[in-house]
């Protein structure tokens, strides 16, 4: 299954023009994510059954405004009890692009997220999680993103440590399990447990845990055919931002990095 989290990085929803969509959604605390949306549900007869993930391209839609959403993706094992999600175990993380159509009036978030093949970007370079807790390997990683347009490499999303997510580690894990079981049809959100049951309780889940804040360029520029997109998850004590741009220019990435390089078509 594929899911995404809305509003897990401060001020991203405002930049994306989506904060008003969630005005009636109740949250436990001010910085809590707004909810979870589906991106891929196997064997679903709607558009959610279309496999959207690609590691090398994004297929755009004519006359639609599309933005990159640089994120970290978690690959999780799912355990069930009495048809409810009892446990999520994140096993790997990777660079992820939760690419999104910017359109007003969409009834559900998912309507902006899956428009068929190659509408989501996922790196093939998975990094193993030793423990999804403070002190684990993910403490030392940051997320950054760039766009290459007309030979210019431009930063698209802010360089952000993974520890900058509003909900992370145990707090995020507990929140995800709760929402997968309890979230109901409300505003832009959907009944997740019903979707999971119809899919016969898949044992693997790929979830993007929230987009970072945009740079001024990223906030004001939509994707164009021919753009090359870079989402990079890297060890910030080992590499600098300058190192990452150097790797992009050299078209070669070193170890300890999950890189997603994909072309807009």
C-alpha atoms as a PDB file:
ATOM      1  CA  UNK A   1       0.000   0.000   0.000  1.00  0.00           C
ATOM      2  CA  UNK A   2       1.006   3.600  -0.455  1.00  0.00           C
ATOM      3  CA  UNK A   3       0.065   6.470   1.843  1.00  0.00           C
ATOM      4  CA  UNK A   4       1.214  10.002   2.591  1.00  0.00           C
ATOM      5  CA  UNK A   5       1.036  12.318   5.589  1.00  0.00           C
ATOM      6  CA  UNK A   6      -0.309  15.857   5.291  1.00  0.00           C
ATOM      7  CA  UNK A   7       1.091  18.690   7.387  1.00  0.00           C
ATOM      8  CA  UNK A   8       4.025  17.071   9.182  1.00  0.00           C
ATOM      9  CA  UNK A   9       6.454  19.919   8.462  1.00  0.00           C
ATOM     10  CA  UNK A  10       5.673  23.416   9.729  1.00  0.00           C
ATOM     11  CA  UNK A  11       4.284  25.878   7.150  1.00  0.00           C
ATOM     12  CA  UNK A  12       4.420  23.542   4.126  1.00  0.00           C
ATOM     13  CA  UNK A  13       0.620  23.444   3.757  1.00  0.00           C
ATOM     14  CA  UNK A  14       0.463  27.238   3.741  1.00  0.00           C
ATOM     15  CA  UNK A  15       3.109  27.405   1.020  1.00  0.00           C
ATOM     16  CA  UNK A  16       1.258  24.781  -1.015  1.00  0.00           C
ATOM     17  CA  UNK A  17      -2.036  26.664  -0.678  1.00  0.00           C
ATOM     18  CA  UNK A  18      -3.696  23.724   1.066  1.00  0.00           C
ATOM     19  CA  UNK A  19      -4.115  24.911   4.663  1.00  0.00           C
ATOM     20  CA  UNK A  20      -7.746  25.938   4.049  1.00  0.00           C
ATOM     21  CA  UNK A  21      -8.583  22.347   3.044  1.00  0.00           C
ATOM     22  CA  UNK A  22      -8.008  21.277   6.645  1.00  0.00           C
ATOM     23  CA  UNK A  23      -9.720  24.104   8.493  1.00  0.00           C
ATOM     24  CA  UNK A  24     -12.406  21.752   9.874  1.00  0.00           C
ATOM     25  CA  UNK A  25     -10.066  18.855  10.662  1.00  0.00           C
ATOM     26  CA  UNK A  26      -9.491  18.500  14.398  1.00  0.00           C
ATOM     27  CA  UNK A  27      -5.974  17.713  15.637  1.00  0.00           C
ATOM     28  CA  UNK A  28      -4.666  16.791  19.077  1.00  0.00           C
ATOM     29  CA  UNK A  29      -2.118  19.616  19.207  1.00  0.00           C
ATOM     30  CA  UNK A  30      -1.080  22.612  17.133  1.00  0.00           C
ATOM     31  CA  UNK A  31       1.856  20.972  15.348  1.00  0.00           C
ATOM     32  CA  UNK A  32       0.160  17.612  14.744  1.00  0.00           C
ATOM     33  CA  UNK A  33      -0.143  16.341  11.160  1.00  0.00           C
ATOM     34  CA  UNK A  34      -3.587  16.803   9.618  1.00  0.00           C
ATOM     35  CA  UNK A  35      -4.140  13.259   8.442  1.00  0.00           C
ATOM     36  CA  UNK A  36      -3.137  10.438   6.106  1.00  0.00           C
ATOM     37  CA  UNK A  37      -4.114  10.136   2.442  1.00  0.00           C
ATOM     38  CA  UNK A  38      -3.901   7.076   0.147  1.00  0.00           C
ATOM     39  CA  UNK A  39      -1.641   7.092  -2.909  1.00  0.00           C
ATOM     40  CA  UNK A  40      -1.802   3.408  -3.924  1.00  0.00           C
ATOM     41  CA  UNK A  41      -4.149   0.644  -2.799  1.00  0.00           C
ATOM     42  CA  UNK A  42      -3.547  -2.705  -4.532  1.00  0.00           C
ATOM     43  CA  UNK A  43      -6.532  -4.277  -6.292  1.00  0.00           C
ATOM     44  CA  UNK A  44      -8.590  -1.099  -5.850  1.00  0.00           C
ATOM     45  CA  UNK A  45     -10.951  -0.518  -8.798  1.00  0.00           C
ATOM     46  CA  UNK A  46     -10.578   3.285  -8.679  1.00  0.00           C
ATOM     47  CA  UNK A  47      -7.578   5.377  -9.709  1.00  0.00           C
ATOM     48  CA  UNK A  48      -5.972   4.332  -6.398  1.00  0.00           C
ATOM     49  CA  UNK A  49      -5.336   0.925  -7.934  1.00  0.00           C
ATOM     50  CA  UNK A  50      -2.969   2.435 -10.531  1.00  0.00           C
ATOM     51  CA  UNK A  51       0.674   1.799  -9.579  1.00  0.00           C
ATOM     52  CA  UNK A  52       2.180   5.326  -9.423  1.00  0.00           C
ATOM     53  CA  UNK A  53       5.792   4.771  -8.322  1.00  0.00           C
ATOM     54  CA  UNK A  54       8.827   5.405 -10.515  1.00  0.00           C
ATOM     55  CA  UNK A  55      12.530   5.901  -9.845  1.00  0.00           C
ATOM     56  CA  UNK A  56      13.424   7.699 -13.088  1.00  0.00           C
ATOM     57  CA  UNK A  57      10.556   9.909 -14.297  1.00  0.00           C
ATOM     58  CA  UNK A  58       7.445  11.910 -13.521  1.00  0.00           C
ATOM     59  CA  UNK A  59       4.805  12.007 -16.256  1.00  0.00           C
ATOM     60  CA  UNK A  60       3.130  15.404 -16.206  1.00  0.00           C
ATOM     61  CA  UNK A  61      -0.409  16.300 -17.252  1.00  0.00           C
ATOM     62  CA  UNK A  62      -1.155  18.849 -19.941  1.00  0.00           C
ATOM     63  CA  UNK A  63      -2.491  22.158 -18.583  1.00  0.00           C
ATOM     64  CA  UNK A  64      -2.040  21.088 -14.935  1.00  0.00           C
ATOM     65  CA  UNK A  65       0.245  22.780 -12.413  1.00  0.00           C
ATOM     66  CA  UNK A  66       2.444  20.205 -10.702  1.00  0.00           C
ATOM     67  CA  UNK A  67       4.917  20.717  -7.874  1.00  0.00           C
ATOM     68  CA  UNK A  68       7.625  18.502  -6.499  1.00  0.00           C
ATOM     69  CA  UNK A  69       7.120  17.551  -2.842  1.00  0.00           C
ATOM     70  CA  UNK A  70      10.472  16.397  -1.444  1.00  0.00           C
ATOM     71  CA  UNK A  71       9.976  13.929   1.390  1.00  0.00           C
ATOM     72  CA  UNK A  72      11.358  10.912   3.196  1.00  0.00           C
ATOM     73  CA  UNK A  73       9.584   7.646   2.520  1.00  0.00           C
ATOM     74  CA  UNK A  74       9.349   4.812   5.046  1.00  0.00           C
ATOM     75  CA  UNK A  75       8.987   1.191   3.997  1.00  0.00           C
ATOM     76  CA  UNK A  76       7.121  -0.581   6.799  1.00  0.00           C
ATOM     77  CA  UNK A  77       6.069  -4.080   7.743  1.00  0.00           C
ATOM     78  CA  UNK A  78       2.429  -4.150   8.847  1.00  0.00           C
ATOM     79  CA  UNK A  79       0.980  -6.414  11.514  1.00  0.00           C
ATOM     80  CA  UNK A  80      -2.766  -6.899  12.009  1.00  0.00           C
ATOM     81  CA  UNK A  81      -5.105  -8.057  14.751  1.00  0.00           C
ATOM     82  CA  UNK A  82      -8.847  -8.491  14.160  1.00  0.00           C
ATOM     83  CA  UNK A  83      -8.549  -6.610  10.838  1.00  0.00           C
ATOM     84  CA  UNK A  84      -6.977  -3.606  12.529  1.00  0.00           C
ATOM     85  CA  UNK A  85      -3.399  -2.374  12.116  1.00  0.00           C
ATOM     86  CA  UNK A  86      -1.729  -3.527  15.311  1.00  0.00           C
ATOM     87  CA  UNK A  87       1.871  -2.613  14.509  1.00  0.00           C
ATOM     88  CA  UNK A  88       3.997  -0.728  12.008  1.00  0.00           C
ATOM     89  CA  UNK A  89       7.700  -1.556  11.804  1.00  0.00           C
ATOM     90  CA  UNK A  90       9.705   0.861   9.618  1.00  0.00           C
ATOM     91  CA  UNK A  91      12.510  -1.184   8.038  1.00  0.00           C
ATOM     92  CA  UNK A  92      14.016   1.183   5.440  1.00  0.00           C
ATOM     93  CA  UNK A  93      13.902   4.844   4.413  1.00  0.00           C
ATOM     94  CA  UNK A  94      14.567   6.585   1.119  1.00  0.00           C
ATOM     95  CA  UNK A  95      14.253   9.788  -0.921  1.00  0.00           C
ATOM     96  CA  UNK A  96      10.678  10.308  -2.108  1.00  0.00           C
ATOM     97  CA  UNK A  97       8.821  12.816  -4.289  1.00  0.00           C
ATOM     98  CA  UNK A  98       5.141  13.059  -3.348  1.00  0.00           C
ATOM     99  CA  UNK A  99       4.491  14.993  -6.548  1.00  0.00           C
ATOM    100  CA  UNK A 100       1.190  16.877  -6.431  1.00  0.00           C
ATOM    101  CA  UNK A 101      -1.265  18.601  -8.747  1.00  0.00           C
ATOM    102  CA  UNK A 102      -2.095  22.106  -7.546  1.00  0.00           C
ATOM    103  CA  UNK A 103      -5.803  22.537  -8.130  1.00  0.00           C
ATOM    104  CA  UNK A 104      -8.486  24.281  -6.115  1.00  0.00           C
ATOM    105  CA  UNK A 105     -11.655  22.455  -5.154  1.00  0.00           C
ATOM    106  CA  UNK A 106     -10.378  18.859  -5.179  1.00  0.00           C
ATOM    107  CA  UNK A 107     -12.636  16.858  -2.861  1.00  0.00           C
ATOM    108  CA  UNK A 108      -9.887  14.589  -1.557  1.00  0.00           C
ATOM    109  CA  UNK A 109      -6.120  14.951  -1.224  1.00  0.00           C
ATOM    110  CA  UNK A 110      -5.691  11.662  -3.051  1.00  0.00           C
ATOM    111  CA  UNK A 111      -7.248  13.215  -6.183  1.00  0.00           C
ATOM    112  CA  UNK A 112      -4.127  15.381  -6.472  1.00  0.00           C
ATOM    113  CA  UNK A 113      -1.659  12.581  -5.835  1.00  0.00           C
ATOM    114  CA  UNK A 114      -2.165   9.618  -8.166  1.00  0.00           C
ATOM    115  CA  UNK A 115      -2.837  10.356 -11.818  1.00  0.00           C
ATOM    116  CA  UNK A 116      -1.465   7.063 -13.084  1.00  0.00           C
ATOM    117  CA  UNK A 117       1.919   5.582 -13.919  1.00  0.00           C
ATOM    118  CA  UNK A 118       4.988   7.609 -12.836  1.00  0.00           C
ATOM    119  CA  UNK A 119       3.143  10.198 -10.754  1.00  0.00           C
ATOM    120  CA  UNK A 120       5.247   9.445  -7.646  1.00  0.00           C
ATOM    121  CA  UNK A 121       9.026   9.359  -7.324  1.00  0.00           C
ATOM    122  CA  UNK A 122      10.765   6.782  -5.112  1.00  0.00           C
ATOM    123  CA  UNK A 123      14.497   6.147  -4.879  1.00  0.00           C
ATOM    124  CA  UNK A 124      15.722   2.610  -5.461  1.00  0.00           C
ATOM    125  CA  UNK A 125      18.443   3.257  -2.866  1.00  0.00           C
ATOM    126  CA  UNK A 126      16.919   2.144   0.430  1.00  0.00           C
ATOM    127  CA  UNK A 127      18.737   2.750   3.712  1.00  0.00           C
ATOM    128  CA  UNK A 128      18.221   0.172   6.433  1.00  0.00           C
ATOM    129  CA  UNK A 129      16.761   1.422   9.723  1.00  0.00           C
ATOM    130  CA  UNK A 130      18.523   0.039  12.770  1.00  0.00           C
ATOM    131  CA  UNK A 131      15.928   1.391  15.197  1.00  0.00           C
ATOM    132  CA  UNK A 132      13.125   3.887  14.605  1.00  0.00           C
ATOM    133  CA  UNK A 133      14.018   5.647  17.839  1.00  0.00           C
ATOM    134  CA  UNK A 134      16.191   8.530  18.996  1.00  0.00           C
ATOM    135  CA  UNK A 135      19.829   7.498  18.755  1.00  0.00           C
ATOM    136  CA  UNK A 136      19.255   5.501  15.577  1.00  0.00           C
ATOM    137  CA  UNK A 137      20.770   5.977  12.141  1.00  0.00           C
ATOM    138  CA  UNK A 138      18.106   8.446  11.000  1.00  0.00           C
ATOM    139  CA  UNK A 139      19.305  11.030  13.546  1.00  0.00           C
ATOM    140  CA  UNK A 140      22.241  11.795  11.258  1.00  0.00           C
ATOM    141  CA  UNK A 141      20.345  12.393   8.006  1.00  0.00           C
ATOM    142  CA  UNK A 142      18.997  15.461   6.249  1.00  0.00           C
ATOM    143  CA  UNK A 143      16.778  15.968   3.213  1.00  0.00           C
ATOM    144  CA  UNK A 144      17.387  18.428   0.396  1.00  0.00           C
ATOM    145  CA  UNK A 145      16.088  18.877  -3.133  1.00  0.00           C
ATOM    146  CA  UNK A 146      16.977  20.621  -6.384  1.00  0.00           C
ATOM    147  CA  UNK A 147      15.695  21.142  -9.883  1.00  0.00           C
ATOM    148  CA  UNK A 148      17.870  21.358 -12.988  1.00  0.00           C
ATOM    149  CA  UNK A 149      16.346  23.638 -15.602  1.00  0.00           C
ATOM    150  CA  UNK A 150      18.208  24.967 -18.651  1.00  0.00           C
ATOM    151  CA  UNK A 151      21.495  23.742 -17.139  1.00  0.00           C
ATOM    152  CA  UNK A 152      20.889  25.713 -13.926  1.00  0.00           C
ATOM    153  CA  UNK A 153      20.759  23.717 -10.671  1.00  0.00           C
ATOM    154  CA  UNK A 154      18.341  25.474  -8.298  1.00  0.00           C
ATOM    155  CA  UNK A 155      17.383  24.509  -4.761  1.00  0.00           C
ATOM    156  CA  UNK A 156      13.668  23.627  -4.604  1.00  0.00           C
ATOM    157  CA  UNK A 157      13.045  22.591  -0.989  1.00  0.00           C
ATOM    158  CA  UNK A 158      14.880  23.735   2.110  1.00  0.00           C
ATOM    159  CA  UNK A 159      17.780  21.687   3.416  1.00  0.00           C
ATOM    160  CA  UNK A 160      16.149  20.043   6.453  1.00  0.00           C
ATOM    161  CA  UNK A 161      17.312  17.543   9.111  1.00  0.00           C
ATOM    162  CA  UNK A 162      14.930  14.605   9.500  1.00  0.00           C
ATOM    163  CA  UNK A 163      14.636  15.477  13.174  1.00  0.00           C
ATOM    164  CA  UNK A 164      12.843  18.644  12.005  1.00  0.00           C
ATOM    165  CA  UNK A 165       9.656  16.696  11.304  1.00  0.00           C
ATOM    166  CA  UNK A 166       6.860  17.659  13.710  1.00  0.00           C
ATOM    167  CA  UNK A 167       6.068  13.987  14.457  1.00  0.00           C
ATOM    168  CA  UNK A 168       8.885  11.461  14.240  1.00  0.00           C
ATOM    169  CA  UNK A 169       9.990   8.152  15.752  1.00  0.00           C
ATOM    170  CA  UNK A 170       7.690   6.715  18.465  1.00  0.00           C
ATOM    171  CA  UNK A 171       5.294   9.651  18.329  1.00  0.00           C
ATOM    172  CA  UNK A 172       4.867   9.315  14.569  1.00  0.00           C
ATOM    173  CA  UNK A 173       4.623   5.526  14.706  1.00  0.00           C
ATOM    174  CA  UNK A 174       1.863   5.617  17.321  1.00  0.00           C
ATOM    175  CA  UNK A 175       0.007   8.372  15.459  1.00  0.00           C
ATOM    176  CA  UNK A 176       0.138   6.457  12.150  1.00  0.00           C
ATOM    177  CA  UNK A 177      -1.264   3.271  13.681  1.00  0.00           C
ATOM    178  CA  UNK A 178      -4.074   5.255  15.291  1.00  0.00           C
ATOM    179  CA  UNK A 179      -4.989   7.120  12.081  1.00  0.00           C
ATOM    180  CA  UNK A 180      -4.891   4.007   9.891  1.00  0.00           C
ATOM    181  CA  UNK A 181      -7.504   2.500  12.203  1.00  0.00           C
ATOM    182  CA  UNK A 182      -9.588   5.507  13.234  1.00  0.00           C
ATOM    183  CA  UNK A 183      -9.533   8.091  10.425  1.00  0.00           C
ATOM    184  CA  UNK A 184     -12.960   8.466   8.872  1.00  0.00           C
ATOM    185  CA  UNK A 185     -14.382  10.213   5.844  1.00  0.00           C
ATOM    186  CA  UNK A 186     -14.051  13.926   6.636  1.00  0.00           C
ATOM    187  CA  UNK A 187     -13.384  16.831   4.319  1.00  0.00           C
ATOM    188  CA  UNK A 188     -10.273  16.033   2.247  1.00  0.00           C
ATOM    189  CA  UNK A 189      -9.589  12.824   4.222  1.00  0.00           C
ATOM    190  CA  UNK A 190     -10.801   9.253   3.638  1.00  0.00           C
ATOM    191  CA  UNK A 191     -11.780   6.191   5.662  1.00  0.00           C
ATOM    192  CA  UNK A 192      -8.474   4.321   5.670  1.00  0.00           C
ATOM    193  CA  UNK A 193      -9.498   1.123   7.464  1.00  0.00           C
ATOM    194  CA  UNK A 194     -12.148   0.453   4.803  1.00  0.00           C
ATOM    195  CA  UNK A 195      -9.548   0.808   2.037  1.00  0.00           C
ATOM    196  CA  UNK A 196      -7.119  -1.488   3.841  1.00  0.00           C
ATOM    197  CA  UNK A 197      -9.738  -4.173   4.419  1.00  0.00           C
ATOM    198  CA  UNK A 198     -10.795  -4.127   0.763  1.00  0.00           C
ATOM    199  CA  UNK A 199      -7.137  -4.617  -0.161  1.00  0.00           C
ATOM    200  CA  UNK A 200      -7.068  -7.692   2.130  1.00  0.00           C
ATOM    201  CA  UNK A 201      -4.588  -6.290   4.630  1.00  0.00           C
ATOM    202  CA  UNK A 202      -1.330  -5.899   2.657  1.00  0.00           C
ATOM    203  CA  UNK A 203       1.787  -6.694   4.661  1.00  0.00           C
ATOM    204  CA  UNK A 204       3.954  -3.861   3.279  1.00  0.00           C
ATOM    205  CA  UNK A 205       3.314  -0.144   3.430  1.00  0.00           C
ATOM    206  CA  UNK A 206       5.213   2.722   1.786  1.00  0.00           C
ATOM    207  CA  UNK A 207       4.424   6.017   3.474  1.00  0.00           C
ATOM    208  CA  UNK A 208       5.794   9.468   2.745  1.00  0.00           C
ATOM    209  CA  UNK A 209       5.978  11.336   6.026  1.00  0.00           C
ATOM    210  CA  UNK A 210       5.604  14.957   4.888  1.00  0.00           C
ATOM    211  CA  UNK A 211       7.073  17.535   2.531  1.00  0.00           C
ATOM    212  CA  UNK A 212       9.649  20.071   3.651  1.00  0.00           C
ATOM    213  CA  UNK A 213       9.235  23.816   3.262  1.00  0.00           C
ATOM    214  CA  UNK A 214       9.901  25.236  -0.195  1.00  0.00           C
ATOM    215  CA  UNK A 215      12.520  27.755  -1.129  1.00  0.00           C
ATOM    216  CA  UNK A 216      11.196  30.936  -2.746  1.00  0.00           C
ATOM    217  CA  UNK A 217      11.850  29.349  -6.136  1.00  0.00           C
ATOM    218  CA  UNK A 218      10.150  26.067  -5.253  1.00  0.00           C
ATOM    219  CA  UNK A 219       7.072  27.809  -3.882  1.00  0.00           C
ATOM    220  CA  UNK A 220       6.566  29.903  -7.007  1.00  0.00           C
ATOM    221  CA  UNK A 221       7.601  27.571  -9.846  1.00  0.00           C
ATOM    222  CA  UNK A 222       5.748  24.553 -11.206  1.00  0.00           C
ATOM    223  CA  UNK A 223       7.389  21.677 -13.029  1.00  0.00           C
ATOM    224  CA  UNK A 224       8.059  21.761 -16.767  1.00  0.00           C
ATOM    225  CA  UNK A 225       8.810  18.965 -19.200  1.00  0.00           C
ATOM    226  CA  UNK A 226      12.537  18.437 -19.370  1.00  0.00           C
ATOM    227  CA  UNK A 227      13.176  19.425 -15.755  1.00  0.00           C
ATOM    228  CA  UNK A 228      15.483  17.061 -13.874  1.00  0.00           C
ATOM    229  CA  UNK A 229      14.435  16.640 -10.237  1.00  0.00           C
ATOM    230  CA  UNK A 230      16.733  15.683  -7.375  1.00  0.00           C
ATOM    231  CA  UNK A 231      15.612  14.568  -3.926  1.00  0.00           C
ATOM    232  CA  UNK A 232      18.583  13.667  -1.747  1.00  0.00           C
ATOM    233  CA  UNK A 233      18.650  12.078   1.715  1.00  0.00           C
ATOM    234  CA  UNK A 234      22.208  12.283   3.051  1.00  0.00           C
ATOM    235  CA  UNK A 235      24.367  12.025   6.166  1.00  0.00           C
ATOM    236  CA  UNK A 236      24.845  15.646   7.228  1.00  0.00           C
ATOM    237  CA  UNK A 237      27.901  14.947   9.396  1.00  0.00           C
ATOM    238  CA  UNK A 238      29.616  13.305   6.448  1.00  0.00           C
ATOM    239  CA  UNK A 239      28.560  15.569   3.565  1.00  0.00           C
ATOM    240  CA  UNK A 240      27.822  19.275   3.224  1.00  0.00           C
ATOM    241  CA  UNK A 241      25.235  20.960   1.039  1.00  0.00           C
ATOM    242  CA  UNK A 242      28.108  21.977  -1.255  1.00  0.00           C
ATOM    243  CA  UNK A 243      29.146  18.315  -1.489  1.00  0.00           C
ATOM    244  CA  UNK A 244      25.639  17.408  -2.624  1.00  0.00           C
ATOM    245  CA  UNK A 245      25.540  20.061  -5.358  1.00  0.00           C
ATOM    246  CA  UNK A 246      28.954  18.861  -6.473  1.00  0.00           C
ATOM    247  CA  UNK A 247      27.621  15.299  -6.778  1.00  0.00           C
ATOM    248  CA  UNK A 248      24.650  16.571  -8.781  1.00  0.00           C
ATOM    249  CA  UNK A 249      26.953  18.397 -11.207  1.00  0.00           C
ATOM    250  CA  UNK A 250      29.163  15.301 -11.450  1.00  0.00           C
ATOM    251  CA  UNK A 251      26.079  13.072 -11.846  1.00  0.00           C
ATOM    252  CA  UNK A 252      27.561  10.691  -9.297  1.00  0.00           C
ATOM    253  CA  UNK A 253      26.475  10.086  -5.691  1.00  0.00           C
ATOM    254  CA  UNK A 254      28.570   8.575  -2.947  1.00  0.00           C
ATOM    255  CA  UNK A 255      27.672   5.934  -0.380  1.00  0.00           C
ATOM    256  CA  UNK A 256      25.402   6.721   2.548  1.00  0.00           C
ATOM    257  CA  UNK A 257      23.023   8.640   0.282  1.00  0.00           C
ATOM    258  CA  UNK A 258      19.551   7.849  -1.034  1.00  0.00           C
ATOM    259  CA  UNK A 259      19.254   9.802  -4.268  1.00  0.00           C
ATOM    260  CA  UNK A 260      16.176  10.184  -6.441  1.00  0.00           C
ATOM    261  CA  UNK A 261      16.975  11.598  -9.877  1.00  0.00           C
ATOM    262  CA  UNK A 262      13.998  11.740 -12.227  1.00  0.00           C
ATOM    263  CA  UNK A 263      12.988  13.616 -15.356  1.00  0.00           C
ATOM    264  CA  UNK A 264       9.673  15.350 -15.987  1.00  0.00           C
ATOM    265  CA  UNK A 265       8.109  14.034 -19.201  1.00  0.00           C
END
